[in-house]
PDB file of N, CA and C in Angstrom:
ATOM      1  N   UNK A   1       0.853  -1.143  -0.003  1.00  0.00           N
ATOM      2  CA  UNK A   1       0.001  -0.023   0.017  1.00  0.00           C
ATOM      3  C   UNK A   1       0.927   1.279  -0.014  1.00  0.00           C
ATOM      4  N   UNK A   2       0.483   2.216  -0.841  1.00  0.00           N
ATOM      5  CA  UNK A   2       1.301   3.423  -0.953  1.00  0.00           C
ATOM      6  C   UNK A   2       0.951   4.438   0.133  1.00  0.00           C
ATOM      7  N   UNK A   3       1.901   5.208   0.713  1.00  0.00           N
ATOM      8  CA  UNK A   3       1.524   6.205   1.744  1.00  0.00           C
ATOM      9  C   UNK A   3       0.712   7.307   1.066  1.00  0.00           C
ATOM     10  N   UNK A   4      -0.125   8.006   1.878  1.00  0.00           N
ATOM     11  CA  UNK A   4      -0.934   9.107   1.434  1.00  0.00           C
ATOM     12  C   UNK A   4      -0.114  10.398   1.209  1.00  0.00           C
ATOM     13  N   UNK A   5       1.020  10.508   1.803  1.00  0.00           N
ATOM     14  CA  UNK A   5       1.841  11.682   1.530  1.00  0.00           C
ATOM     15  C   UNK A   5       3.306  11.385   1.777  1.00  0.00           C
ATOM     16  N   UNK A   6       4.119  12.239   1.246  1.00  0.00           N
ATOM     17  CA  UNK A   6       5.540  12.131   1.407  1.00  0.00           C
ATOM     18  C   UNK A   6       6.122  13.459   1.819  1.00  0.00           C
ATOM     19  N   UNK A   7       6.949  13.413   2.894  1.00  0.00           N
ATOM     20  CA  UNK A   7       7.577  14.650   3.345  1.00  0.00           C
ATOM     21  C   UNK A   7       9.008  14.728   2.780  1.00  0.00           C
ATOM     22  N   UNK A   8       9.284  15.922   2.311  1.00  0.00           N
ATOM     23  CA  UNK A   8      10.632  16.156   1.715  1.00  0.00           C
ATOM     24  C   UNK A   8      11.334  17.218   2.508  1.00  0.00           C
ATOM     25  N   UNK A   9      12.626  17.108   2.655  1.00  0.00           N
ATOM     26  CA  UNK A   9      13.437  18.127   3.268  1.00  0.00           C
ATOM     27  C   UNK A   9      14.125  18.877   2.111  1.00  0.00           C
ATOM     28  N   UNK A  10      13.645  20.088   1.881  1.00  0.00           N
ATOM     29  CA  UNK A  10      14.231  20.882   0.775  1.00  0.00           C
ATOM     30  C   UNK A  10      14.843  22.124   1.383  1.00  0.00           C
ATOM     31  N   UNK A  11      16.113  22.363   1.063  1.00  0.00           N
ATOM     32  CA  UNK A  11      16.742  23.589   1.611  1.00  0.00           C
ATOM     33  C   UNK A  11      15.914  24.806   1.109  1.00  0.00           C
ATOM     34  N   UNK A  12      15.785  25.823   1.963  1.00  0.00           N
ATOM     35  CA  UNK A  12      15.003  26.969   1.652  1.00  0.00           C
ATOM     36  C   UNK A  12      15.511  27.673   0.409  1.00  0.00           C
ATOM     37  N   UNK A  13      16.828  27.779   0.259  1.00  0.00           N
ATOM     38  CA  UNK A  13      17.343  28.455  -0.913  1.00  0.00           C
ATOM     39  C   UNK A  13      17.037  27.670  -2.209  1.00  0.00           C
ATOM     40  N   UNK A  14      16.948  26.346  -2.148  1.00  0.00           N
ATOM     41  CA  UNK A  14      16.553  25.595  -3.332  1.00  0.00           C
ATOM     42  C   UNK A  14      15.080  25.870  -3.641  1.00  0.00           C
ATOM     43  N   UNK A  15      14.275  25.986  -2.561  1.00  0.00           N
ATOM     44  CA  UNK A  15      12.896  26.252  -2.783  1.00  0.00           C
ATOM     45  C   UNK A  15      12.698  27.673  -3.418  1.00  0.00           C
ATOM     46  N   UNK A  16      13.448  28.636  -2.948  1.00  0.00           N
ATOM     47  CA  UNK A  16      13.394  29.961  -3.507  1.00  0.00           C
ATOM     48  C   UNK A  16      13.828  29.991  -4.972  1.00  0.00           C
ATOM     49  N   UNK A  17      14.831  29.213  -5.257  1.00  0.00           N
ATOM     50  CA  UNK A  17      15.348  29.131  -6.662  1.00  0.00           C
ATOM     51  C   UNK A  17      14.219  28.508  -7.563  1.00  0.00           C
ATOM     52  N   UNK A  18      13.553  27.473  -7.042  1.00  0.00           N
ATOM     53  CA  UNK A  18      12.530  26.780  -7.714  1.00  0.00           C
ATOM     54  C   UNK A  18      11.372  27.693  -8.002  1.00  0.00           C
ATOM     55  N   UNK A  19      11.019  28.570  -7.019  1.00  0.00           N
ATOM     56  CA  UNK A  19       9.916  29.498  -7.140  1.00  0.00           C
ATOM     57  C   UNK A  19      10.290  30.559  -8.184  1.00  0.00           C
ATOM     58  N   UNK A  20      11.548  31.038  -8.137  1.00  0.00           N
ATOM     59  CA  UNK A  20      11.922  32.083  -9.032  1.00  0.00           C
ATOM     60  C   UNK A  20      11.929  31.571 -10.520  1.00  0.00           C
ATOM     61  N   UNK A  21      12.002  30.304 -10.725  1.00  0.00           N
ATOM     62  CA  UNK A  21      12.030  29.717 -12.078  1.00  0.00           C
ATOM     63  C   UNK A  21      10.565  29.538 -12.604  1.00  0.00           C
ATOM     64  N   UNK A  22       9.539  29.690 -11.759  1.00  0.00           N
ATOM     65  CA  UNK A  22       8.218  29.494 -12.161  1.00  0.00           C
ATOM     66  C   UNK A  22       7.714  30.646 -13.039  1.00  0.00           C
ATOM     67  N   UNK A  23       6.756  30.356 -13.844  1.00  0.00           N
ATOM     68  CA  UNK A  23       6.093  31.356 -14.628  1.00  0.00           C
ATOM     69  C   UNK A  23       5.113  32.124 -13.795  1.00  0.00           C
ATOM     70  N   UNK A  24       4.615  33.251 -14.281  1.00  0.00           N
ATOM     71  CA  UNK A  24       3.687  34.115 -13.539  1.00  0.00           C
ATOM     72  C   UNK A  24       2.496  33.414 -13.092  1.00  0.00           C
ATOM     73  N   UNK A  25       1.848  32.583 -13.959  1.00  0.00           N
ATOM     74  CA  UNK A  25       0.645  31.862 -13.656  1.00  0.00           C
ATOM     75  C   UNK A  25       0.840  30.934 -12.500  1.00  0.00           C
ATOM     76  N   UNK A  26       1.922  30.200 -12.474  1.00  0.00           N
ATOM     77  CA  UNK A  26       2.221  29.220 -11.376  1.00  0.00           C
ATOM     78  C   UNK A  26       2.576  29.988 -10.107  1.00  0.00           C
ATOM     79  N   UNK A  27       3.242  31.126 -10.225  1.00  0.00           N
ATOM     80  CA  UNK A  27       3.534  31.938  -9.035  1.00  0.00           C
ATOM     81  C   UNK A  27       2.234  32.454  -8.406  1.00  0.00           C
ATOM     82  N   UNK A  28       1.276  32.863  -9.234  1.00  0.00           N
ATOM     83  CA  UNK A  28       0.013  33.325  -8.716  1.00  0.00           C
ATOM     84  C   UNK A  28      -0.766  32.200  -8.004  1.00  0.00           C
ATOM     85  N   UNK A  29      -0.695  30.922  -8.597  1.00  0.00           N
ATOM     86  CA  UNK A  29      -1.370  29.824  -7.968  1.00  0.00           C
ATOM     87  C   UNK A  29      -0.687  29.527  -6.640  1.00  0.00           C
ATOM     88  N   UNK A  30       0.615  29.590  -6.569  1.00  0.00           N
ATOM     89  CA  UNK A  30       1.278  29.369  -5.310  1.00  0.00           C
ATOM     90  C   UNK A  30       0.946  30.430  -4.271  1.00  0.00           C
ATOM     91  N   UNK A  31       0.873  31.658  -4.753  1.00  0.00           N
ATOM     92  CA  UNK A  31       0.482  32.774  -3.834  1.00  0.00           C
ATOM     93  C   UNK A  31      -0.913  32.485  -3.253  1.00  0.00           C
ATOM     94  N   UNK A  32      -1.859  32.119  -4.050  1.00  0.00           N
ATOM     95  CA  UNK A  32      -3.220  31.822  -3.572  1.00  0.00           C
ATOM     96  C   UNK A  32      -3.186  30.643  -2.565  1.00  0.00           C
ATOM     97  N   UNK A  33      -2.375  29.660  -2.821  1.00  0.00           N
ATOM     98  CA  UNK A  33      -2.272  28.535  -1.890  1.00  0.00           C
ATOM     99  C   UNK A  33      -1.656  28.962  -0.615  1.00  0.00           C
ATOM    100  N   UNK A  34      -0.628  29.754  -0.635  1.00  0.00           N
ATOM    101  CA  UNK A  34       0.094  30.212   0.561  1.00  0.00           C
ATOM    102  C   UNK A  34      -0.853  31.156   1.412  1.00  0.00           C
ATOM    103  N   UNK A  35      -1.538  32.006   0.753  1.00  0.00           N
ATOM    104  CA  UNK A  35      -2.473  32.956   1.418  1.00  0.00           C
ATOM    105  C   UNK A  35      -3.533  32.146   2.148  1.00  0.00           C
ATOM    106  N   UNK A  36      -4.098  31.117   1.506  1.00  0.00           N
ATOM    107  CA  UNK A  36      -5.130  30.297   2.079  1.00  0.00           C
ATOM    108  C   UNK A  36      -4.591  29.546   3.323  1.00  0.00           C
ATOM    109  N   UNK A  37      -3.395  29.013   3.227  1.00  0.00           N
ATOM    110  CA  UNK A  37      -2.808  28.212   4.298  1.00  0.00           C
ATOM    111  C   UNK A  37      -2.474  29.158   5.455  1.00  0.00           C
ATOM    112  N   UNK A  38      -1.981  30.326   5.171  1.00  0.00           N
ATOM    113  CA  UNK A  38      -1.624  31.305   6.229  1.00  0.00           C
ATOM    114  C   UNK A  38      -2.937  31.759   6.907  1.00  0.00           C
ATOM    115  N   UNK A  39      -3.994  32.027   6.178  1.00  0.00           N
ATOM    116  CA  UNK A  39      -5.228  32.429   6.772  1.00  0.00           C
ATOM    117  C   UNK A  39      -5.793  31.332   7.683  1.00  0.00           C
ATOM    118  N   UNK A  40      -5.723  30.101   7.218  1.00  0.00           N
ATOM    119  CA  UNK A  40      -6.157  28.966   8.080  1.00  0.00           C
ATOM    120  C   UNK A  40      -5.302  28.891   9.378  1.00  0.00           C
ATOM    121  N   UNK A  41      -4.016  29.013   9.245  1.00  0.00           N
ATOM    122  CA  UNK A  41      -3.131  28.945  10.394  1.00  0.00           C
ATOM    123  C   UNK A  41      -3.433  30.052  11.376  1.00  0.00           C
ATOM    124  N   UNK A  42      -3.701  31.298  10.838  1.00  0.00           N
ATOM    125  CA  UNK A  42      -4.036  32.428  11.725  1.00  0.00           C
ATOM    126  C   UNK A  42      -5.338  32.202  12.447  1.00  0.00           C
ATOM    127  N   UNK A  43      -6.324  31.649  11.666  1.00  0.00           N
ATOM    128  CA  UNK A  43      -7.620  31.359  12.300  1.00  0.00           C
ATOM    129  C   UNK A  43      -7.405  30.333  13.473  1.00  0.00           C
ATOM    130  N   UNK A  44      -6.647  29.295  13.212  1.00  0.00           N
ATOM    131  CA  UNK A  44      -6.400  28.308  14.202  1.00  0.00           C
ATOM    132  C   UNK A  44      -5.723  28.919  15.476  1.00  0.00           C
ATOM    133  N   UNK A  45      -4.770  29.817  15.215  1.00  0.00           N
ATOM    134  CA  UNK A  45      -4.121  30.450  16.350  1.00  0.00           C
ATOM    135  C   UNK A  45      -5.117  31.328  17.154  1.00  0.00           C
ATOM    136  N   UNK A  46      -5.949  32.092  16.419  1.00  0.00           N
ATOM    137  CA  UNK A  46      -6.906  32.885  17.128  1.00  0.00           C
ATOM    138  C   UNK A  46      -7.914  32.148  17.902  1.00  0.00           C
ATOM    139  N   UNK A  47      -8.347  30.987  17.334  1.00  0.00           N
ATOM    140  CA  UNK A  47      -9.335  30.163  18.049  1.00  0.00           C
ATOM    141  C   UNK A  47      -8.792  29.603  19.397  1.00  0.00           C
ATOM    142  N   UNK A  48      -7.474  29.559  19.577  1.00  0.00           N
ATOM    143  CA  UNK A  48      -6.896  29.000  20.760  1.00  0.00           C
ATOM    144  C   UNK A  48      -6.191  30.029  21.605  1.00  0.00           C
ATOM    145  N   UNK A  49      -6.231  31.308  21.187  1.00  0.00           N
ATOM    146  CA  UNK A  49      -5.585  32.457  21.882  1.00  0.00           C
ATOM    147  C   UNK A  49      -6.475  32.793  23.088  1.00  0.00           C
ATOM    148  N   UNK A  50      -5.942  32.659  24.328  1.00  0.00           N
ATOM    149  CA  UNK A  50      -6.687  33.050  25.535  1.00  0.00           C
ATOM    150  C   UNK A  50      -7.203  34.446  25.545  1.00  0.00           C
ATOM    151  N   UNK A  51      -6.410  35.353  25.013  1.00  0.00           N
ATOM    152  CA  UNK A  51      -6.843  36.820  24.993  1.00  0.00           C
ATOM    153  C   UNK A  51      -8.065  36.935  24.071  1.00  0.00           C
ATOM    154  N   UNK A  52      -7.917  36.313  22.863  1.00  0.00           N
ATOM    155  CA  UNK A  52      -9.022  36.419  21.894  1.00  0.00           C
ATOM    156  C   UNK A  52     -10.271  35.761  22.439  1.00  0.00           C
ATOM    157  N   UNK A  53     -10.129  34.529  23.096  1.00  0.00           N
ATOM    158  CA  UNK A  53     -11.270  33.886  23.623  1.00  0.00           C
ATOM    159  C   UNK A  53     -11.970  34.697  24.692  1.00  0.00           C
ATOM    160  N   UNK A  54     -11.131  35.365  25.557  1.00  0.00           N
ATOM    161  CA  UNK A  54     -11.741  36.234  26.576  1.00  0.00           C
ATOM    162  C   UNK A  54     -12.428  37.458  25.990  1.00  0.00           C
ATOM    163  N   UNK A  55     -11.902  38.043  24.884  1.00  0.00           N
ATOM    164  CA  UNK A  55     -12.521  39.136  24.236  1.00  0.00           C
ATOM    165  C   UNK A  55     -13.881  38.761  23.626  1.00  0.00           C
ATOM    166  N   UNK A  56     -13.928  37.609  22.986  1.00  0.00           N
ATOM    167  CA  UNK A  56     -15.146  37.069  22.374  1.00  0.00           C
ATOM    168  C   UNK A  56     -16.156  36.805  23.485  1.00  0.00           C
ATOM    169  N   UNK A  57     -15.765  36.235  24.598  1.00  0.00           N
ATOM    170  CA  UNK A  57     -16.713  35.955  25.685  1.00  0.00           C
ATOM    171  C   UNK A  57     -17.245  37.291  26.286  1.00  0.00           C
ATOM    172  N   UNK A  58     -16.403  38.253  26.423  1.00  0.00           N
ATOM    173  CA  UNK A  58     -16.843  39.535  26.890  1.00  0.00           C
ATOM    174  C   UNK A  58     -17.815  40.223  25.895  1.00  0.00           C
ATOM    175  N   UNK A  59     -17.506  40.159  24.590  1.00  0.00           N
ATOM    176  CA  UNK A  59     -18.398  40.749  23.657  1.00  0.00           C
ATOM    177  C   UNK A  59     -19.738  40.069  23.664  1.00  0.00           C
ATOM    178  N   UNK A  60     -19.736  38.727  23.810  1.00  0.00           N
ATOM    179  CA  UNK A  60     -21.070  38.020  23.886  1.00  0.00           C
ATOM    180  C   UNK A  60     -21.835  38.409  25.135  1.00  0.00           C
ATOM    181  N   UNK A  61     -21.146  38.590  26.270  1.00  0.00           N
ATOM    182  CA  UNK A  61     -21.786  38.998  27.463  1.00  0.00           C
ATOM    183  C   UNK A  61     -22.386  40.329  27.331  1.00  0.00           C
ATOM    184  N   UNK A  62     -21.679  41.249  26.733  1.00  0.00           N
ATOM    185  CA  UNK A  62     -22.159  42.609  26.530  1.00  0.00           C
ATOM    186  C   UNK A  62     -23.391  42.598  25.560  1.00  0.00           C
ATOM    187  N   UNK A  63     -23.352  41.828  24.548  1.00  0.00           N
ATOM    188  CA  UNK A  63     -24.468  41.732  23.647  1.00  0.00           C
ATOM    189  C   UNK A  63     -25.705  41.159  24.280  1.00  0.00           C
ATOM    190  N   UNK A  64     -25.511  40.107  25.134  1.00  0.00           N
ATOM    191  CA  UNK A  64     -26.679  39.577  25.852  1.00  0.00           C
ATOM    192  C   UNK A  64     -27.312  40.578  26.851  1.00  0.00           C
ATOM    193  N   UNK A  65     -26.428  41.420  27.366  1.00  0.00           N
ATOM    194  CA  UNK A  65     -26.906  42.439  28.324  1.00  0.00           C
ATOM    195  C   UNK A  65     -27.414  43.707  27.634  1.00  0.00           C
ATOM    196  N   UNK A  66     -27.416  43.732  26.350  1.00  0.00           N
ATOM    197  CA  UNK A  66     -27.934  44.860  25.551  1.00  0.00           C
ATOM    198  C   UNK A  66     -26.912  46.016  25.504  1.00  0.00           C
ATOM    199  N   UNK A  67     -25.673  45.775  25.788  1.00  0.00           N
ATOM    200  CA  UNK A  67     -24.627  46.814  25.765  1.00  0.00           C
ATOM    201  C   UNK A  67     -23.963  46.869  24.386  1.00  0.00           C
ATOM    202  N   UNK A  68     -24.733  47.310  23.489  1.00  0.00           N
ATOM    203  CA  UNK A  68     -24.214  47.390  22.071  1.00  0.00           C
ATOM    204  C   UNK A  68     -24.878  48.553  21.386  1.00  0.00           C
ATOM    205  N   UNK A  69     -24.297  48.967  20.230  1.00  0.00           N
ATOM    206  CA  UNK A  69     -24.839  50.024  19.400  1.00  0.00           C
ATOM    207  C   UNK A  69     -25.056  49.443  17.994  1.00  0.00           C
ATOM    208  N   UNK A  70     -26.321  49.703  17.505  1.00  0.00           N
ATOM    209  CA  UNK A  70     -26.551  49.177  16.153  1.00  0.00           C
ATOM    210  C   UNK A  70     -25.749  49.982  15.119  1.00  0.00           C
ATOM    211  N   UNK A  71     -25.573  49.421  13.974  1.00  0.00           N
ATOM    212  CA  UNK A  71     -24.817  50.107  12.928  1.00  0.00           C
ATOM    213  C   UNK A  71     -25.511  51.407  12.540  1.00  0.00           C
ATOM    214  N   UNK A  72     -26.812  51.394  12.446  1.00  0.00           N
ATOM    215  CA  UNK A  72     -27.604  52.615  12.134  1.00  0.00           C
ATOM    216  C   UNK A  72     -27.393  53.693  13.174  1.00  0.00           C
ATOM    217  N   UNK A  73     -27.388  53.324  14.416  1.00  0.00           N
ATOM    218  CA  UNK A  73     -27.078  54.307  15.486  1.00  0.00           C
ATOM    219  C   UNK A  73     -25.686  54.868  15.430  1.00  0.00           C
ATOM    220  N   UNK A  74     -24.749  54.006  15.088  1.00  0.00           N
ATOM    221  CA  UNK A  74     -23.335  54.410  14.951  1.00  0.00           C
ATOM    222  C   UNK A  74     -23.271  55.416  13.824  1.00  0.00           C
ATOM    223  N   UNK A  75     -23.834  55.140  12.682  1.00  0.00           N
ATOM    224  CA  UNK A  75     -23.798  55.960  11.515  1.00  0.00           C
ATOM    225  C   UNK A  75     -24.420  57.348  11.855  1.00  0.00           C
ATOM    226  N   UNK A  76     -25.553  57.296  12.561  1.00  0.00           N
ATOM    227  CA  UNK A  76     -26.268  58.502  12.936  1.00  0.00           C
ATOM    228  C   UNK A  76     -25.384  59.376  13.830  1.00  0.00           C
ATOM    229  N   UNK A  77     -24.737  58.741  14.862  1.00  0.00           N
ATOM    230  CA  UNK A  77     -23.878  59.473  15.779  1.00  0.00           C
ATOM    231  C   UNK A  77     -22.700  60.119  14.978  1.00  0.00           C
ATOM    232  N   UNK A  78     -22.132  59.341  14.029  1.00  0.00           N
ATOM    233  CA  UNK A  78     -20.996  59.892  13.284  1.00  0.00           C
ATOM    234  C   UNK A  78     -21.405  61.075  12.456  1.00  0.00           C
ATOM    235  N   UNK A  79     -22.680  61.032  11.860  1.00  0.00           N
ATOM    236  CA  UNK A  79     -23.206  62.105  11.103  1.00  0.00           C
ATOM    237  C   UNK A  79     -23.391  63.341  11.943  1.00  0.00           C
ATOM    238  N   UNK A  80     -23.922  63.080  13.092  1.00  0.00           N
ATOM    239  CA  UNK A  80     -24.119  64.300  14.005  1.00  0.00           C
ATOM    240  C   UNK A  80     -22.822  64.916  14.400  1.00  0.00           C
ATOM    241  N   UNK A  81     -21.743  64.112  14.660  1.00  0.00           N
ATOM    242  CA  UNK A  81     -20.398  64.662  15.087  1.00  0.00           C
ATOM    243  C   UNK A  81     -19.791  65.421  13.912  1.00  0.00           C
ATOM    244  N   UNK A  82     -20.025  64.978  12.661  1.00  0.00           N
ATOM    245  CA  UNK A  82     -19.445  65.663  11.562  1.00  0.00           C
ATOM    246  C   UNK A  82     -20.106  67.015  11.273  1.00  0.00           C
ATOM    247  N   UNK A  83     -21.372  67.215  11.754  1.00  0.00           N
ATOM    248  CA  UNK A  83     -22.007  68.499  11.464  1.00  0.00           C
ATOM    249  C   UNK A  83     -21.678  69.557  12.471  1.00  0.00           C
TER     250      UNK A  83
END
């Protein structure tokens, strides 16, 4: 049975050289892939960050207690301040 994946150890400079040799279309595909993987990694970090979890819990508590401002009220307040 063949393994599902193979891990390779590639020197970073070799990887950079390989990327430099790619055409624009392949570089754009690689950029999309990297951006998606970075976003996923950042999401994972935020989901487990104690500070972020505490801020989300506090925001939910404030919302349940009615301590929030609607977008319409915010816009109205900003309009009044500008005048």
